[in-house]
Structure formats: structure tokens, C-alpha cells
C-alpha atoms as a PDB file:
ATOM      1  CA  UNK A   1      13.298 -13.314   7.934  1.00  0.00           C
ATOM      2  CA  UNK A   2      15.489 -14.184   4.846  1.00  0.00           C
ATOM      3  CA  UNK A   3      15.020 -13.419   1.571  1.00  0.00           C
ATOM      4  CA  UNK A   4      15.665 -15.036  -1.763  1.00  0.00           C
ATOM      5  CA  UNK A   5      13.960 -13.213  -4.722  1.00  0.00           C
ATOM      6  CA  UNK A   6      17.019 -12.933  -6.551  1.00  0.00           C
ATOM      7  CA  UNK A   7      16.999 -10.325  -9.312  1.00  0.00           C
ATOM      8  CA  UNK A   8      12.942 -11.045 -10.728  1.00  0.00           C
ATOM      9  CA  UNK A   9      11.724  -7.373 -11.940  1.00  0.00           C
ATOM     10  CA  UNK A  10       8.054  -8.381 -10.303  1.00  0.00           C
ATOM     11  CA  UNK A  11       9.483  -8.051  -6.927  1.00  0.00           C
ATOM     12  CA  UNK A  12      11.680  -5.479  -7.463  1.00  0.00           C
ATOM     13  CA  UNK A  13       8.417  -3.323  -8.419  1.00  0.00           C
ATOM     14  CA  UNK A  14       6.469  -5.298  -5.807  1.00  0.00           C
ATOM     15  CA  UNK A  15       8.428  -4.316  -2.683  1.00  0.00           C
ATOM     16  CA  UNK A  16       9.307  -0.492  -4.172  1.00  0.00           C
ATOM     17  CA  UNK A  17       5.499  -0.339  -4.109  1.00  0.00           C
ATOM     18  CA  UNK A  18       5.220  -1.328  -0.445  1.00  0.00           C
ATOM     19  CA  UNK A  19       8.288   0.890   0.527  1.00  0.00           C
ATOM     20  CA  UNK A  20       6.269   4.161  -0.699  1.00  0.00           C
ATOM     21  CA  UNK A  21       2.424   3.396   0.252  1.00  0.00           C
ATOM     22  CA  UNK A  22       0.504   5.496   2.554  1.00  0.00           C
ATOM     23  CA  UNK A  23      -2.463   4.620   4.736  1.00  0.00           C
ATOM     24  CA  UNK A  24      -3.798   1.809   7.121  1.00  0.00           C
ATOM     25  CA  UNK A  25      -2.345  -1.501   7.350  1.00  0.00           C
ATOM     26  CA  UNK A  26      -5.320  -2.906   5.525  1.00  0.00           C
ATOM     27  CA  UNK A  27      -5.137  -0.313   2.769  1.00  0.00           C
ATOM     28  CA  UNK A  28      -1.591  -0.695   2.176  1.00  0.00           C
ATOM     29  CA  UNK A  29      -2.006  -4.515   1.390  1.00  0.00           C
ATOM     30  CA  UNK A  30      -4.730  -4.035  -0.212  1.00  0.00           C
ATOM     31  CA  UNK A  31      -2.734  -1.801  -2.960  1.00  0.00           C
ATOM     32  CA  UNK A  32      -0.012  -4.311  -2.986  1.00  0.00           C
ATOM     33  CA  UNK A  33      -2.757  -7.084  -3.820  1.00  0.00           C
ATOM     34  CA  UNK A  34      -4.382  -5.034  -6.411  1.00  0.00           C
ATOM     35  CA  UNK A  35      -0.621  -4.400  -8.359  1.00  0.00           C
ATOM     36  CA  UNK A  36      -0.133  -7.898  -8.627  1.00  0.00           C
ATOM     37  CA  UNK A  37      -3.367  -9.049  -9.645  1.00  0.00           C
ATOM     38  CA  UNK A  38      -3.501  -5.971 -12.367  1.00  0.00           C
ATOM     39  CA  UNK A  39       0.291  -5.762 -13.417  1.00  0.00           C
ATOM     40  CA  UNK A  40       1.886  -9.271 -12.960  1.00  0.00           C
ATOM     41  CA  UNK A  41      -0.679 -11.982 -13.299  1.00  0.00           C
ATOM     42  CA  UNK A  42      -3.122 -10.835 -15.755  1.00  0.00           C
ATOM     43  CA  UNK A  43      -5.969 -13.378 -15.618  1.00  0.00           C
ATOM     44  CA  UNK A  44      -4.288 -15.817 -13.583  1.00  0.00           C
ATOM     45  CA  UNK A  45      -6.112 -16.433 -10.099  1.00  0.00           C
ATOM     46  CA  UNK A  46      -4.899 -16.736  -6.857  1.00  0.00           C
ATOM     47  CA  UNK A  47      -6.251 -16.453  -3.178  1.00  0.00           C
ATOM     48  CA  UNK A  48      -4.559 -15.017  -0.391  1.00  0.00           C
ATOM     49  CA  UNK A  49      -5.571 -16.687   2.999  1.00  0.00           C
ATOM     50  CA  UNK A  50      -5.624 -16.008   6.695  1.00  0.00           C
ATOM     51  CA  UNK A  51      -7.616 -17.633   9.008  1.00  0.00           C
ATOM     52  CA  UNK A  52     -10.701 -15.936   8.212  1.00  0.00           C
ATOM     53  CA  UNK A  53     -11.471 -15.595   5.074  1.00  0.00           C
ATOM     54  CA  UNK A  54     -11.099 -18.061   1.902  1.00  0.00           C
ATOM     55  CA  UNK A  55     -12.513 -17.622  -1.923  1.00  0.00           C
ATOM     56  CA  UNK A  56     -12.005 -20.438  -4.047  1.00  0.00           C
ATOM     57  CA  UNK A  57     -13.665 -19.009  -7.106  1.00  0.00           C
ATOM     58  CA  UNK A  58     -12.472 -15.123  -7.129  1.00  0.00           C
ATOM     59  CA  UNK A  59     -10.902 -13.949 -10.274  1.00  0.00           C
ATOM     60  CA  UNK A  60      -9.260 -11.452  -8.332  1.00  0.00           C
ATOM     61  CA  UNK A  61      -6.536 -11.387  -5.076  1.00  0.00           C
ATOM     62  CA  UNK A  62      -8.809 -11.270  -2.125  1.00  0.00           C
ATOM     63  CA  UNK A  63      -7.034 -10.250   1.812  1.00  0.00           C
ATOM     64  CA  UNK A  64      -8.698 -11.321   4.726  1.00  0.00           C
ATOM     65  CA  UNK A  65      -6.266 -10.071   7.393  1.00  0.00           C
ATOM     66  CA  UNK A  66      -5.331 -12.540  10.194  1.00  0.00           C
ATOM     67  CA  UNK A  67      -7.272 -12.573  13.424  1.00  0.00           C
ATOM     68  CA  UNK A  68      -6.140 -14.449  16.822  1.00  0.00           C
ATOM     69  CA  UNK A  69      -3.817 -16.607  17.017  1.00  0.00           C
ATOM     70  CA  UNK A  70      -3.320 -20.075  15.099  1.00  0.00           C
ATOM     71  CA  UNK A  71      -4.160 -23.476  17.263  1.00  0.00           C
ATOM     72  CA  UNK A  72      -5.280 -26.672  16.081  1.00  0.00           C
ATOM     73  CA  UNK A  73      -9.279 -26.388  17.840  1.00  0.00           C
ATOM     74  CA  UNK A  74      -9.775 -23.841  15.541  1.00  0.00           C
ATOM     75  CA  UNK A  75     -13.927 -23.444  14.560  1.00  0.00           C
ATOM     76  CA  UNK A  76     -14.438 -24.227  10.692  1.00  0.00           C
ATOM     77  CA  UNK A  77     -17.201 -21.756  11.337  1.00  0.00           C
ATOM     78  CA  UNK A  78     -15.332 -18.816  11.234  1.00  0.00           C
ATOM     79  CA  UNK A  79     -14.312 -19.179   8.144  1.00  0.00           C
ATOM     80  CA  UNK A  80     -16.423 -17.062   5.094  1.00  0.00           C
ATOM     81  CA  UNK A  81     -15.962 -19.861   2.158  1.00  0.00           C
ATOM     82  CA  UNK A  82     -18.035 -17.292  -0.565  1.00  0.00           C
ATOM     83  CA  UNK A  83     -17.926 -19.141  -3.306  1.00  0.00           C
ATOM     84  CA  UNK A  84     -17.223 -22.476  -2.686  1.00  0.00           C
ATOM     85  CA  UNK A  85     -19.887 -23.547  -0.418  1.00  0.00           C
ATOM     86  CA  UNK A  86     -19.063 -26.264   2.008  1.00  0.00           C
ATOM     87  CA  UNK A  87     -15.481 -27.210   0.708  1.00  0.00           C
ATOM     88  CA  UNK A  88     -13.763 -25.644   3.384  1.00  0.00           C
ATOM     89  CA  UNK A  89     -15.551 -27.472   5.677  1.00  0.00           C
ATOM     90  CA  UNK A  90     -15.930 -31.077   4.180  1.00  0.00           C
ATOM     91  CA  UNK A  91     -12.047 -30.504   4.261  1.00  0.00           C
ATOM     92  CA  UNK A  92     -11.569 -29.698   7.982  1.00  0.00           C
ATOM     93  CA  UNK A  93     -14.165 -32.006   9.114  1.00  0.00           C
ATOM     94  CA  UNK A  94     -12.229 -34.661   7.319  1.00  0.00           C
ATOM     95  CA  UNK A  95      -8.585 -33.777   8.281  1.00  0.00           C
ATOM     96  CA  UNK A  96      -8.989 -31.705  11.613  1.00  0.00           C
ATOM     97  CA  UNK A  97      -4.670 -31.664  12.020  1.00  0.00           C
ATOM     98  CA  UNK A  98      -4.580 -29.345   9.134  1.00  0.00           C
ATOM     99  CA  UNK A  99      -4.396 -26.388  10.306  1.00  0.00           C
ATOM    100  CA  UNK A 100      -1.701 -28.110  12.871  1.00  0.00           C
ATOM    101  CA  UNK A 101       0.236 -28.381   9.337  1.00  0.00           C
ATOM    102  CA  UNK A 102       0.101 -24.961   8.082  1.00  0.00           C
ATOM    103  CA  UNK A 103       2.430 -23.818  11.307  1.00  0.00           C
ATOM    104  CA  UNK A 104       4.293 -27.105  11.293  1.00  0.00           C
ATOM    105  CA  UNK A 105       4.966 -26.687   7.014  1.00  0.00           C
ATOM    106  CA  UNK A 106       5.879 -22.940   7.447  1.00  0.00           C
ATOM    107  CA  UNK A 107       8.179 -21.572   4.896  1.00  0.00           C
ATOM    108  CA  UNK A 108       7.972 -24.430   2.123  1.00  0.00           C
ATOM    109  CA  UNK A 109       6.104 -24.641  -0.757  1.00  0.00           C
ATOM    110  CA  UNK A 110       4.443 -27.457  -1.876  1.00  0.00           C
ATOM    111  CA  UNK A 111       2.434 -28.868  -5.275  1.00  0.00           C
ATOM    112  CA  UNK A 112      -0.811 -30.456  -4.059  1.00  0.00           C
ATOM    113  CA  UNK A 113      -0.680 -29.276  -0.538  1.00  0.00           C
ATOM    114  CA  UNK A 114      -4.004 -30.239   0.608  1.00  0.00           C
ATOM    115  CA  UNK A 115      -3.396 -33.542  -1.468  1.00  0.00           C
ATOM    116  CA  UNK A 116      -0.162 -33.819   0.710  1.00  0.00           C
ATOM    117  CA  UNK A 117      -2.470 -33.502   3.659  1.00  0.00           C
ATOM    118  CA  UNK A 118      -4.852 -35.760   2.771  1.00  0.00           C
ATOM    119  CA  UNK A 119      -2.284 -38.445   2.214  1.00  0.00           C
ATOM    120  CA  UNK A 120      -0.931 -37.782   5.539  1.00  0.00           C
ATOM    121  CA  UNK A 121      -3.995 -38.818   7.067  1.00  0.00           C
ATOM    122  CA  UNK A 122      -3.822 -42.021   5.150  1.00  0.00           C
ATOM    123  CA  UNK A 123      -7.019 -40.727   2.438  1.00  0.00           C
ATOM    124  CA  UNK A 124      -6.733 -42.063  -1.025  1.00  0.00           C
ATOM    125  CA  UNK A 125      -5.804 -39.055  -3.284  1.00  0.00           C
ATOM    126  CA  UNK A 126      -6.747 -39.545  -6.216  1.00  0.00           C
ATOM    127  CA  UNK A 127     -10.337 -40.528  -4.422  1.00  0.00           C
ATOM    128  CA  UNK A 128     -10.045 -37.501  -2.070  1.00  0.00           C
ATOM    129  CA  UNK A 129      -9.863 -35.045  -5.065  1.00  0.00           C
ATOM    130  CA  UNK A 130     -12.970 -36.464  -6.590  1.00  0.00           C
ATOM    131  CA  UNK A 131     -14.996 -36.150  -3.366  1.00  0.00           C
ATOM    132  CA  UNK A 132     -13.863 -33.054  -2.394  1.00  0.00           C
ATOM    133  CA  UNK A 133     -12.075 -31.008  -5.214  1.00  0.00           C
ATOM    134  CA  UNK A 134     -13.721 -31.576  -8.496  1.00  0.00           C
ATOM    135  CA  UNK A 135     -17.963 -30.862  -6.626  1.00  0.00           C
ATOM    136  CA  UNK A 136     -16.740 -27.278  -6.895  1.00  0.00           C
ATOM    137  CA  UNK A 137     -15.096 -27.524 -10.280  1.00  0.00           C
ATOM    138  CA  UNK A 138     -11.319 -27.694  -8.492  1.00  0.00           C
ATOM    139  CA  UNK A 139      -8.973 -30.340 -10.134  1.00  0.00           C
ATOM    140  CA  UNK A 140      -6.097 -29.695  -7.838  1.00  0.00           C
ATOM    141  CA  UNK A 141      -4.561 -26.865  -5.222  1.00  0.00           C
ATOM    142  CA  UNK A 142      -1.174 -25.470  -4.824  1.00  0.00           C
ATOM    143  CA  UNK A 143      -0.262 -23.225  -1.734  1.00  0.00           C
ATOM    144  CA  UNK A 144       2.079 -21.959   0.261  1.00  0.00           C
ATOM    145  CA  UNK A 145       2.412 -20.449   3.976  1.00  0.00           C
ATOM    146  CA  UNK A 146       4.662 -18.019   6.099  1.00  0.00           C
ATOM    147  CA  UNK A 147       3.492 -17.028   9.564  1.00  0.00           C
ATOM    148  CA  UNK A 148       2.977 -13.180  10.407  1.00  0.00           C
ATOM    149  CA  UNK A 149       4.302 -12.923  13.754  1.00  0.00           C
ATOM    150  CA  UNK A 150       4.025 -15.573  16.181  1.00  0.00           C
ATOM    151  CA  UNK A 151       0.457 -15.927  16.047  1.00  0.00           C
ATOM    152  CA  UNK A 152      -1.306 -15.779  12.587  1.00  0.00           C
ATOM    153  CA  UNK A 153      -0.410 -17.018   9.095  1.00  0.00           C
ATOM    154  CA  UNK A 154      -0.591 -15.717   5.819  1.00  0.00           C
ATOM    155  CA  UNK A 155      -1.034 -18.364   2.655  1.00  0.00           C
ATOM    156  CA  UNK A 156      -1.590 -18.110  -0.878  1.00  0.00           C
ATOM    157  CA  UNK A 157      -3.735 -21.255  -2.393  1.00  0.00           C
ATOM    158  CA  UNK A 158      -3.841 -21.514  -6.322  1.00  0.00           C
ATOM    159  CA  UNK A 159      -6.978 -23.360  -7.607  1.00  0.00           C
ATOM    160  CA  UNK A 160      -6.277 -25.303 -10.938  1.00  0.00           C
ATOM    161  CA  UNK A 161      -9.965 -25.152 -12.196  1.00  0.00           C
ATOM    162  CA  UNK A 162     -11.496 -28.362 -14.171  1.00  0.00           C
ATOM    163  CA  UNK A 163     -12.439 -26.063 -17.264  1.00  0.00           C
ATOM    164  CA  UNK A 164      -9.662 -23.343 -16.965  1.00  0.00           C
ATOM    165  CA  UNK A 165      -6.096 -22.680 -18.807  1.00  0.00           C
ATOM    166  CA  UNK A 166      -3.357 -23.501 -15.928  1.00  0.00           C
ATOM    167  CA  UNK A 167      -1.221 -20.829 -14.931  1.00  0.00           C
ATOM    168  CA  UNK A 168       2.532 -21.379 -16.077  1.00  0.00           C
ATOM    169  CA  UNK A 169       5.284 -23.030 -14.362  1.00  0.00           C
ATOM    170  CA  UNK A 170       6.502 -19.323 -13.815  1.00  0.00           C
ATOM    171  CA  UNK A 171       3.060 -17.885 -12.462  1.00  0.00           C
ATOM    172  CA  UNK A 172       2.994 -20.916 -10.076  1.00  0.00           C
ATOM    173  CA  UNK A 173       6.598 -19.801  -8.889  1.00  0.00           C
ATOM    174  CA  UNK A 174       5.482 -16.224  -8.233  1.00  0.00           C
ATOM    175  CA  UNK A 175       2.433 -17.209  -6.597  1.00  0.00           C
ATOM    176  CA  UNK A 176       3.810 -19.210  -4.100  1.00  0.00           C
ATOM    177  CA  UNK A 177       6.708 -16.509  -3.074  1.00  0.00           C
ATOM    178  CA  UNK A 178       3.637 -13.883  -2.265  1.00  0.00           C
ATOM    179  CA  UNK A 179       3.385 -14.915   1.268  1.00  0.00           C
ATOM    180  CA  UNK A 180       6.589 -14.014   2.000  1.00  0.00           C
ATOM    181  CA  UNK A 181       6.703 -10.670   0.289  1.00  0.00           C
ATOM    182  CA  UNK A 182       3.732 -10.294   1.921  1.00  0.00           C
ATOM    183  CA  UNK A 183       4.424 -10.969   5.366  1.00  0.00           C
ATOM    184  CA  UNK A 184       6.841  -8.403   6.429  1.00  0.00           C
ATOM    185  CA  UNK A 185       4.957  -5.735   4.515  1.00  0.00           C
ATOM    186  CA  UNK A 186       2.184  -6.724   7.369  1.00  0.00           C
ATOM    187  CA  UNK A 187       4.192  -6.144   9.973  1.00  0.00           C
ATOM    188  CA  UNK A 188       6.287  -3.191   8.747  1.00  0.00           C
ATOM    189  CA  UNK A 189       6.192   0.518   9.849  1.00  0.00           C
ATOM    190  CA  UNK A 190       4.743   3.802   7.665  1.00  0.00           C
ATOM    191  CA  UNK A 191       7.487   4.025   5.282  1.00  0.00           C
ATOM    192  CA  UNK A 192       9.817   7.123   5.844  1.00  0.00           C
ATOM    193  CA  UNK A 193       9.488   9.736   3.490  1.00  0.00           C
ATOM    194  CA  UNK A 194      12.354  10.129   0.528  1.00  0.00           C
ATOM    195  CA  UNK A 195      14.447  13.314   2.270  1.00  0.00           C
ATOM    196  CA  UNK A 196      14.355  10.858   6.095  1.00  0.00           C
ATOM    197  CA  UNK A 197      15.464   8.129   4.303  1.00  0.00           C
ATOM    198  CA  UNK A 198      18.187  10.264   2.590  1.00  0.00           C
ATOM    199  CA  UNK A 199      19.282  11.417   5.810  1.00  0.00           C
ATOM    200  CA  UNK A 200      19.583   8.168   7.547  1.00  0.00           C
ATOM    201  CA  UNK A 201      21.657   6.157   4.822  1.00  0.00           C
ATOM    202  CA  UNK A 202      24.027   8.978   5.241  1.00  0.00           C
ATOM    203  CA  UNK A 203      24.042   8.453   9.090  1.00  0.00           C
ATOM    204  CA  UNK A 204      24.755   4.495   8.529  1.00  0.00           C
ATOM    205  CA  UNK A 205      27.763   5.319   6.121  1.00  0.00           C
ATOM    206  CA  UNK A 206      27.037   5.791   2.523  1.00  0.00           C
ATOM    207  CA  UNK A 207      27.994   9.451   1.115  1.00  0.00           C
ATOM    208  CA  UNK A 208      25.648  11.837   0.211  1.00  0.00           C
ATOM    209  CA  UNK A 209      25.627  10.358  -3.577  1.00  0.00           C
ATOM    210  CA  UNK A 210      25.083   7.068  -2.716  1.00  0.00           C
ATOM    211  CA  UNK A 211      22.010   7.782  -0.448  1.00  0.00           C
ATOM    212  CA  UNK A 212      20.398   9.636  -3.450  1.00  0.00           C
ATOM    213  CA  UNK A 213      20.878   7.022  -5.404  1.00  0.00           C
ATOM    214  CA  UNK A 214      19.443   4.555  -2.651  1.00  0.00           C
ATOM    215  CA  UNK A 215      16.727   6.588  -1.915  1.00  0.00           C
ATOM    216  CA  UNK A 216      15.588   6.821  -5.555  1.00  0.00           C
ATOM    217  CA  UNK A 217      16.472   2.557  -6.216  1.00  0.00           C
ATOM    218  CA  UNK A 218      14.203   1.985  -3.237  1.00  0.00           C
ATOM    219  CA  UNK A 219      11.300   3.618  -5.001  1.00  0.00           C
ATOM    220  CA  UNK A 220      11.852   1.112  -8.168  1.00  0.00           C
ATOM    221  CA  UNK A 221      13.442   3.843 -10.069  1.00  0.00           C
ATOM    222  CA  UNK A 222      15.480   1.505 -13.065  1.00  0.00           C
ATOM    223  CA  UNK A 223      19.592   2.391 -13.482  1.00  0.00           C
ATOM    224  CA  UNK A 224      18.220   4.101 -16.392  1.00  0.00           C
ATOM    225  CA  UNK A 225      16.148   6.612 -14.657  1.00  0.00           C
ATOM    226  CA  UNK A 226      17.917   7.184 -11.660  1.00  0.00           C
ATOM    227  CA  UNK A 227      20.610   8.616 -14.000  1.00  0.00           C
ATOM    228  CA  UNK A 228      18.378  11.051 -15.925  1.00  0.00           C
ATOM    229  CA  UNK A 229      17.353  11.658 -12.296  1.00  0.00           C
ATOM    230  CA  UNK A 230      20.215  12.772 -10.718  1.00  0.00           C
ATOM    231  CA  UNK A 231      22.347  13.581 -14.106  1.00  0.00           C
ATOM    232  CA  UNK A 232      24.923  11.326 -13.531  1.00  0.00           C
ATOM    233  CA  UNK A 233      25.843   8.430 -16.218  1.00  0.00           C
ATOM    234  CA  UNK A 234      24.156   4.699 -15.984  1.00  0.00           C
ATOM    235  CA  UNK A 235      27.905   4.050 -15.386  1.00  0.00           C
ATOM    236  CA  UNK A 236      27.887   5.941 -12.219  1.00  0.00           C
ATOM    237  CA  UNK A 237      24.925   4.892 -10.720  1.00  0.00           C
ATOM    238  CA  UNK A 238      25.406   1.434 -11.245  1.00  0.00           C
ATOM    239  CA  UNK A 239      29.042   1.907  -9.430  1.00  0.00           C
ATOM    240  CA  UNK A 240      27.048   3.608  -6.500  1.00  0.00           C
ATOM    241  CA  UNK A 241      24.490   0.359  -6.199  1.00  0.00           C
ATOM    242  CA  UNK A 242      27.394  -2.117  -6.126  1.00  0.00           C
ATOM    243  CA  UNK A 243      28.445   0.185  -3.389  1.00  0.00           C
ATOM    244  CA  UNK A 244      25.523   0.129  -1.695  1.00  0.00           C
ATOM    245  CA  UNK A 245      24.726  -3.766  -2.065  1.00  0.00           C
ATOM    246  CA  UNK A 246      28.339  -4.237  -0.254  1.00  0.00           C
ATOM    247  CA  UNK A 247      27.633  -1.461   2.483  1.00  0.00           C
ATOM    248  CA  UNK A 248      24.450  -3.620   3.370  1.00  0.00           C
ATOM    249  CA  UNK A 249      25.709  -6.909   2.352  1.00  0.00           C
ATOM    250  CA  UNK A 250      23.315  -7.997  -0.055  1.00  0.00           C
ATOM    251  CA  UNK A 251      23.330  -9.060  -3.884  1.00  0.00           C
ATOM    252  CA  UNK A 252      20.034  -7.636  -5.172  1.00  0.00           C
ATOM    253  CA  UNK A 253      17.800  -5.308  -5.362  1.00  0.00           C
ATOM    254  CA  UNK A 254      14.718  -6.929  -4.259  1.00  0.00           C
ATOM    255  CA  UNK A 255      16.972  -8.249  -1.168  1.00  0.00           C
ATOM    256  CA  UNK A 256      17.494  -4.090  -0.145  1.00  0.00           C
ATOM    257  CA  UNK A 257      14.364  -3.447  -0.515  1.00  0.00           C
ATOM    258  CA  UNK A 258      13.445  -6.489   2.026  1.00  0.00           C
ATOM    259  CA  UNK A 259      15.556  -5.113   3.850  1.00  0.00           C
ATOM    260  CA  UNK A 260      14.548  -1.428   3.702  1.00  0.00           C
ATOM    261  CA  UNK A 261      10.729  -3.022   4.689  1.00  0.00           C
ATOM    262  CA  UNK A 262      11.790  -5.043   7.527  1.00  0.00           C
ATOM    263  CA  UNK A 263      13.435  -1.168   8.526  1.00  0.00           C
ATOM    264  CA  UNK A 264      16.865  -3.279   8.927  1.00  0.00           C
ATOM    265  CA  UNK A 265      18.960  -1.015   6.590  1.00  0.00           C
ATOM    266  CA  UNK A 266      21.639  -0.681   8.652  1.00  0.00           C
ATOM    267  CA  UNK A 267      25.344  -0.398   7.082  1.00  0.00           C
ATOM    268  CA  UNK A 268      28.309  -2.937   8.077  1.00  0.00           C
END
């Protein structure tokens, strides 16, 4: 699994939250989604999708945990279409290869994702939009998918409603990256406590000072906050962080956190 989130502070915050959460798998993921909804997207709308839950009209993020294996002959009746009755059934009947496409296009973000499926089936996209999307008040749908393990998938669908403002391009890009952030969280182990994290970092070759900076960084603290916590200058903290990035062969805080979520913080 690879990550390229750059220095986007939103992903740093999200990954830091994932590393500090406790509880069941579902409780942790739902907490991440609530954080996204409240802190990062304002009133923007998105839907996180697994094989068993769809909601095209909710004003909040939802999660359907994956069940069973992805397969081409999946029965549309297992989906729960909550506020867009009949939409998914119509789509599934028209394009029975839809589930195969999800697996084939794993990792690719594309605009008009569902319309791409329609075009691939030889259907006029404009007419398909009018017949399938408009009756439920949706102008278009964007989406991206990531596999969770080998037998299930997690998608984000972003419905663009006919009568509501569109998300900004920045919000769309953030949402399209969400499956790739959440997929490793879904398969991660329960995070270790800060003391254990420091001991593990020292055993992997960091100095005690670097290990403490690492622990605070993975908790989401800024360089200024870390400096205040360890009673050192911000310049010193920055120097420690650069050494930590080199040690773990990463270039950003988000990459470092992604590695930690995967349980893969091993030094060179």
C-alpha cells in the first residue's frame, strides 16, 4: 500500500486521530468519519460505501463495513438504498459488470465514475444521466475506490445534487483520497500507547529525544506544540523531525503516519 498525500494538514490530522483511537474497528472508523464531517468538509456531502450500504442523500458520512467477497454476480438486493429508492437497483440491472469495474479500477480516481460505466456499456451518457440520476435529484456522481484486504472494497461516492452547491475542487480531491486513507485504518491493529511507541522507536535506532518527538508527532501535535511539550526550541524539533523522516525514508508527516497505521515503522 502506498501513500502520496503530500503535506496536506487535513490528512495529518486524520491520520493522527486514527493512531490515537481505541475501541472496536467500527467505532474507530466511525469516529474518523465524524471527524471528517465536522472538521474538514463543513456542509459538503459524501458517502462512504462498502458492499452493503449506500446512501445517496444523507447530509453526513456513513459507513457500511464490508461483508463477504467482491464478486461479479453480487445480488443488488443486499444493498440498502436508504434515501434514493430504486437508484442502485436500476443501475445494477443496466450495468451488471459494475462490481467487476470497481475491482478493475481499484486505486483510480475518476470524475463521472458511474457515467464512465454507462459509456463503457455503450449507453449515451447524457441520456443515462437524465433517466437514472435526475429522477432522484442527482446531476452527477464522482467516486474512487480502494481495496480493503483481498476480498472487499471501500468506495467514496460524491453525489452532485441538481439543487445544491457543488463541492469545491479541493473538497472533491480530498474526498476522492479518503478511501486510500481509510483502507489502512480498517486493517490496522489497535494503536499502541505513547510509552510503548517511544520504546519501540528507540529499539529501531532513534535517540530518546527523537523518539519522544516522533511520539508527539504521531499524536498530531505541531512543531510549536512539540517544542513546548519537550521544552526545546522549534528549530531543535524541526531538526529531529528531519532526522526521523530520513530514518524512516519518508518525506512528509502524513507518510510517516500512514506507515505507523500500517504497523510498518521500521528504520533503514
